[in-house]
Amino acid sequence: MRLSIRHTTRYRFASPVAHGIQRLRLTPKETQGQKILEWNMEFEGAHEQLSYDDQNYNHVTLVAVEEGAREVVVTCSGKVDTQDHAGVIGHHAGHMPLWAFLSQTPLTEPGPKIKALIANVERSEEGMVETLHNLSNMIRESVEYGTGSTGVTTTAEEATVEGRGVCQDHAHIFIAAARSLDIPARYVSGYLMMNDRVEQEATHAWAEAYVQGLGWVGFDISNGISPDPRYVRVATGRDYTDAAPITGISFGALTEDLSVNLAVEQQTEEQQQQ
């Protein structure tokens, strides 16, 4: 499947910026089942300083906010070919050792609510993948998908207690539970082509667990499936902070408004030939 993506992030500041640096993880990875045909990044109110691959093999672009800017606009666009591997990414890569994905972080540390959830997960005789799907299903049943009650600093335990959250929260809860079962797990940020619309309000997030004999396997807890060709992996990490699309600091101004415009659609054969 060939996907066309256009992703615009707009920051408006309450007053002119004296100095600012932004770290962008917005370039998709070349992984099994995913080939990047083209990818462009354009900036308004900022300029690129350098780019590098981090410890998770995420492609990172550092941009400097121009002095006096009242607005920064980052526009990404490109085309990605995807294939269906039933969510299986395969062998481990990156500078982070596999055991690093066994230890909890402040965002994933399980409390009583998550531990109770783990105790009720049905262990499947069909193997670890089915058990992890059972875990995913239980999380989705226990934590309703809904915006407004959680944010980027909400922990897995807090979202479980609240019983409501978004894809980021579902991924963190899954990671917390998998690591408690001695299964390496990591966070994934990326894009998802929706079946009912092209325009979207945000990027997507899911989780991956390392299964012996298969390697990394993806689980989209919010949708109850393993990623298929509609998904584009962008960044991975131990939790959201390692894979956040944009992080950074600015001096002399506070962010007054943030807006995101995202369009993900499948290209027709006619469009591919143009």
Protein backbone atom coordinates (compact mmCIF):
# COMPACT_ATOMS: atom_id res chain seq x y z
CA MET A 1 0.00 0.00 0.00
CA ARG A 2 1.33 3.45 -0.87
CA LEU A 3 0.42 6.13 1.66
CA SER A 4 0.63 9.87 1.14
CA ILE A 5 1.15 11.91 4.32
CA ARG A 6 1.04 15.62 5.07
CA HIS A 7 1.58 16.72 8.67
CA THR A 8 1.65 20.37 9.77
CA THR A 9 2.36 21.52 13.33
CA ARG A 10 1.90 25.20 14.19
CA TYR A 11 3.17 26.85 17.38
CA ARG A 12 2.08 30.35 18.30
CA PHE A 13 3.87 32.22 21.09
CA ALA A 14 2.45 34.79 23.47
CA SER A 15 5.46 37.06 22.83
CA PRO A 16 8.53 37.07 20.55
CA VAL A 17 11.02 34.24 21.16
CA ALA A 18 14.51 35.19 22.29
CA HIS A 19 15.96 31.72 21.72
CA GLY A 20 14.56 28.24 21.18
CA ILE A 21 15.57 24.73 20.14
CA GLN A 22 13.16 22.03 18.99
CA ARG A 23 13.90 18.31 18.67
CA LEU A 24 11.79 16.73 15.93
CA ARG A 25 11.12 13.01 15.51
CA LEU A 26 8.96 13.28 12.42
CA THR A 27 10.80 11.22 9.80
CA PRO A 28 9.52 7.63 9.36
CA LYS A 29 11.90 4.70 9.81
CA GLU A 30 13.02 2.22 7.19
CA THR A 31 11.90 -1.06 8.75
CA GLN A 32 10.49 -4.42 7.69
CA GLY A 33 7.32 -3.80 5.73
CA GLN A 34 7.97 -0.07 5.36
CA LYS A 35 9.92 1.79 2.66
CA ILE A 36 10.27 5.57 2.58
CA LEU A 37 9.94 6.77 -1.02
CA GLU A 38 10.25 10.47 -0.26
CA TRP A 39 10.08 12.70 2.80
CA ASN A 40 10.37 16.48 3.02
CA MET A 41 10.40 18.89 5.95
CA GLU A 42 9.78 22.63 5.65
CA PHE A 43 10.05 25.27 8.38
CA GLU A 44 8.65 28.73 8.97
CA GLY A 45 10.08 30.74 11.86
CA ALA A 46 12.86 28.19 12.37
CA HIS A 47 15.75 26.57 10.52
CA GLU A 48 17.47 23.21 10.67
CA GLN A 49 20.66 22.93 12.71
CA LEU A 50 21.56 19.26 12.29
CA SER A 51 20.10 15.75 12.08
CA TYR A 52 21.16 12.41 13.55
CA ASP A 53 19.91 8.95 14.54
CA ASP A 54 19.39 8.54 18.29
CA GLN A 55 19.85 5.48 20.51
CA ASN A 56 16.58 3.98 19.24
CA TYR A 57 17.44 4.56 15.55
CA ASN A 58 14.92 7.39 15.45
CA HIS A 59 15.84 10.04 12.91
CA VAL A 60 16.05 13.32 14.84
CA THR A 61 16.15 16.82 13.38
CA LEU A 62 17.22 19.75 15.57
CA VAL A 63 15.84 23.14 14.57
CA ALA A 64 16.57 26.58 16.00
CA VAL A 65 13.67 28.99 16.46
CA GLU A 66 14.47 32.30 14.83
CA GLU A 67 14.95 35.22 17.18
CA GLY A 68 11.81 37.32 17.46
CA ALA A 69 9.54 34.65 15.98
CA ARG A 70 5.92 34.70 17.11
CA GLU A 71 5.04 31.51 15.25
CA VAL A 72 6.77 28.32 14.11
CA VAL A 73 5.30 26.04 11.45
CA VAL A 74 6.74 22.58 10.70
CA THR A 75 5.35 20.86 7.61
CA CYS A 76 6.25 17.25 6.74
CA SER A 77 5.11 15.52 3.59
CA GLY A 78 6.01 12.33 1.79
CA LYS A 79 5.13 8.91 0.48
CA VAL A 80 5.64 5.56 2.17
CA ASP A 81 5.14 2.03 0.82
CA THR A 82 3.87 -0.46 3.40
CA GLN A 83 3.33 -4.23 3.48
CA ASP A 84 1.36 -6.51 5.78
CA HIS A 85 3.55 -8.53 8.15
CA ALA A 86 0.85 -9.01 10.81
CA GLY A 87 2.60 -6.47 13.02
CA VAL A 88 5.91 -8.38 13.09
CA ILE A 89 8.91 -6.05 12.86
CA GLY A 90 11.52 -8.72 13.57
CA HIS A 91 15.00 -8.56 15.07
CA HIS A 92 16.10 -5.94 17.58
CA ALA A 93 18.09 -2.97 16.26
CA GLY A 94 19.40 0.24 17.78
CA HIS A 95 22.02 1.10 20.36
CA MET A 96 19.70 0.36 23.29
CA PRO A 97 20.15 -3.23 24.53
CA LEU A 98 17.06 -5.41 24.67
CA TRP A 99 17.16 -5.59 28.46
CA ALA A 100 16.65 -1.81 28.63
CA PHE A 101 13.05 -2.39 27.55
CA LEU A 102 12.40 -4.54 30.62
CA SER A 103 12.81 -1.76 33.18
CA GLN A 104 9.94 0.58 34.02
CA THR A 105 9.99 4.35 33.61
CA PRO A 106 8.12 7.01 35.60
CA LEU A 107 5.37 6.92 32.95
CA THR A 108 5.00 3.12 32.97
CA GLU A 109 5.61 2.17 36.63
CA PRO A 110 2.68 -0.11 37.57
CA GLY A 111 0.63 0.43 40.70
CA PRO A 112 -2.13 -1.63 42.36
CA LYS A 113 -4.63 -1.09 39.54
CA ILE A 114 -2.32 -2.31 36.77
CA LYS A 115 -1.13 -5.23 38.92
CA ALA A 116 -4.74 -6.29 39.42
CA LEU A 117 -5.33 -6.05 35.67
CA ILE A 118 -2.27 -8.25 34.99
CA ALA A 119 -3.52 -10.89 37.43
CA ASN A 120 -6.74 -11.22 35.43
CA VAL A 121 -5.16 -11.63 32.00
CA GLU A 122 -5.87 -15.04 30.50
CA ARG A 123 -2.67 -16.94 29.64
CA SER A 124 -3.29 -18.52 26.26
CA GLU A 125 -2.19 -22.07 25.45
CA GLU A 126 -1.62 -20.86 21.88
CA GLY A 127 1.46 -18.91 22.91
CA MET A 128 2.75 -15.53 23.97
CA VAL A 129 1.27 -13.56 21.05
CA GLU A 130 -2.26 -14.65 21.95
CA THR A 131 -1.62 -13.87 25.62
CA LEU A 132 -0.50 -10.36 24.63
CA HIS A 133 -3.64 -9.94 22.53
CA ASN A 134 -5.63 -10.95 25.63
CA LEU A 135 -3.76 -8.27 27.57
CA SER A 136 -4.53 -5.70 24.87
CA ASN A 137 -8.22 -6.60 24.92
CA MET A 138 -8.42 -6.32 28.70
CA ILE A 139 -6.79 -2.88 28.65
CA ARG A 140 -9.23 -1.65 26.01
CA GLU A 141 -12.17 -2.99 28.03
CA SER A 142 -10.88 -1.47 31.29
CA VAL A 143 -9.76 1.94 29.98
CA GLU A 144 -12.27 3.60 27.68
CA TYR A 145 -10.88 5.58 24.76
CA GLY A 146 -11.68 9.26 25.22
CA THR A 147 -9.94 12.62 25.08
CA GLY A 148 -9.82 15.32 27.72
CA SER A 149 -9.00 13.41 30.89
CA THR A 150 -5.28 12.69 30.33
CA GLY A 151 -2.20 14.46 28.97
CA VAL A 152 1.37 13.73 27.94
CA THR A 153 2.50 13.54 31.59
CA THR A 154 -0.26 11.13 32.68
CA THR A 155 1.17 7.86 33.94
CA ALA A 156 -0.06 4.39 33.01
CA GLU A 157 -1.35 3.83 36.55
CA GLU A 158 -3.21 7.17 36.61
CA ALA A 159 -4.94 6.40 33.31
CA THR A 160 -5.91 2.92 34.55
CA VAL A 161 -7.39 4.39 37.74
CA GLU A 162 -9.23 7.02 35.68
CA GLY A 163 -10.60 4.30 33.40
CA ARG A 164 -10.29 6.63 30.42
CA GLY A 165 -7.48 7.69 28.11
CA VAL A 166 -6.11 7.93 24.59
CA CYS A 167 -3.78 5.79 22.49
CA GLN A 168 -0.72 7.04 24.40
CA ASP A 169 -2.24 5.86 27.69
CA HIS A 170 -3.24 2.47 26.24
CA ALA A 171 0.33 1.98 25.00
CA HIS A 172 1.85 2.90 28.37
CA ILE A 173 -0.45 0.53 30.25
CA PHE A 174 0.40 -2.32 27.86
CA ILE A 175 4.13 -1.60 28.24
CA ALA A 176 3.84 -1.50 32.03
CA ALA A 177 2.04 -4.84 32.10
CA ALA A 178 4.31 -6.58 29.57
CA ARG A 179 7.46 -5.54 31.44
CA SER A 180 5.90 -6.80 34.67
CA LEU A 181 5.61 -10.16 32.89
CA ASP A 182 9.33 -9.99 31.96
CA ILE A 183 8.54 -9.22 28.31
CA PRO A 184 10.53 -6.36 26.72
CA ALA A 185 8.14 -3.70 25.45
CA ARG A 186 8.43 -0.29 23.80
CA TYR A 187 6.37 2.70 22.70
CA VAL A 188 5.75 3.55 19.03
CA SER A 189 4.62 6.85 17.56
CA GLY A 190 3.49 7.11 13.97
CA TYR A 191 0.70 7.55 11.49
CA LEU A 192 -2.48 5.58 10.86
CA MET A 193 -4.65 5.88 7.77
CA MET A 194 -8.24 6.00 9.02
CA ASN A 195 -10.87 4.19 6.98
CA ASP A 196 -13.51 6.87 7.44
CA ARG A 197 -11.55 10.08 6.88
CA VAL A 198 -8.35 11.61 5.50
CA GLU A 199 -8.00 14.61 7.81
CA GLN A 200 -6.98 13.85 11.40
CA GLU A 201 -6.27 15.77 14.58
CA ALA A 202 -3.22 13.91 15.89
CA THR A 203 -0.62 11.26 15.25
CA HIS A 204 -1.14 7.74 16.57
CA ALA A 205 0.60 5.59 19.18
CA TRP A 206 0.82 1.87 19.88
CA ALA A 207 3.17 -0.61 21.54
CA GLU A 208 5.53 -3.41 20.55
CA ALA A 209 6.56 -6.45 22.59
CA TYR A 210 9.56 -8.69 21.98
CA VAL A 211 8.45 -12.29 21.45
CA GLN A 212 11.04 -15.08 21.25
CA GLY A 213 11.19 -16.51 17.75
CA LEU A 214 9.45 -13.52 16.16
CA GLY A 215 11.22 -10.44 17.47
CA TRP A 216 9.28 -7.21 17.91
CA VAL A 217 5.52 -7.52 17.39
CA GLY A 218 3.14 -4.55 17.32
CA PHE A 219 -0.13 -4.17 19.25
CA ASP A 220 -2.52 -1.27 18.69
CA ILE A 221 -4.43 -1.47 21.93
CA SER A 222 -6.86 1.35 21.08
CA ASN A 223 -8.06 -0.45 17.96
CA GLY A 224 -7.62 -4.03 19.17
CA ILE A 225 -5.40 -5.19 16.28
CA SER A 226 -1.79 -5.64 15.26
CA PRO A 227 -0.58 -2.93 12.85
CA ASP A 228 -1.31 -3.56 9.18
CA PRO A 229 -0.34 -1.65 5.99
CA ARG A 230 -2.30 1.41 7.13
CA TYR A 231 0.34 2.09 9.80
CA VAL A 232 3.59 4.04 9.42
CA ARG A 233 6.20 3.74 12.17
CA VAL A 234 8.04 6.98 12.92
CA ALA A 235 9.77 6.69 16.32
CA THR A 236 10.19 4.19 19.15
CA GLY A 237 11.42 4.35 22.74
CA ARG A 238 10.97 3.20 26.29
CA ASP A 239 7.95 5.50 26.62
CA TYR A 240 6.41 8.62 25.07
CA THR A 241 9.31 10.87 26.06
CA ASP A 242 11.71 8.86 23.85
CA ALA A 243 9.39 8.99 20.83
CA ALA A 244 7.59 12.32 21.16
CA PRO A 245 7.15 14.00 17.76
CA ILE A 246 8.31 17.41 19.01
CA THR A 247 10.11 18.40 22.21
CA GLY A 248 12.19 21.42 23.03
CA ILE A 249 12.77 24.59 24.99
CA SER A 250 12.31 28.29 24.31
CA PHE A 251 13.39 31.41 26.15
CA GLY A 252 11.55 34.71 26.22
CA ALA A 253 8.12 33.33 25.31
CA LEU A 254 5.42 30.91 26.36
CA THR A 255 3.55 28.72 23.90
CA GLU A 256 0.12 30.27 23.56
CA ASP A 257 -1.42 27.90 21.05
CA LEU A 258 -0.57 24.59 19.34
CA SER A 259 -2.44 23.16 16.39
CA VAL A 260 -1.92 20.06 14.24
CA ASN A 261 -3.22 19.29 10.77
CA LEU A 262 -2.65 15.77 9.52
CA ALA A 263 -3.77 14.00 6.36
CA VAL A 264 -3.03 10.33 5.61
CA GLU A 265 -4.47 8.69 2.50
CA GLN A 266 -3.81 5.82 0.14
CA GLN A 267 -2.59 6.72 -3.32
CA THR A 268 -4.42 5.28 -6.29
CA GLU A 269 -2.52 3.48 -9.05
CA GLU A 270 -3.05 6.50 -11.29
CA GLN A 271 -1.50 8.83 -8.68
CA GLN A 272 1.47 6.48 -8.25
CA GLN A 273 2.21 6.66 -11.98
CA GLN A 274 2.27 10.45 -12.10
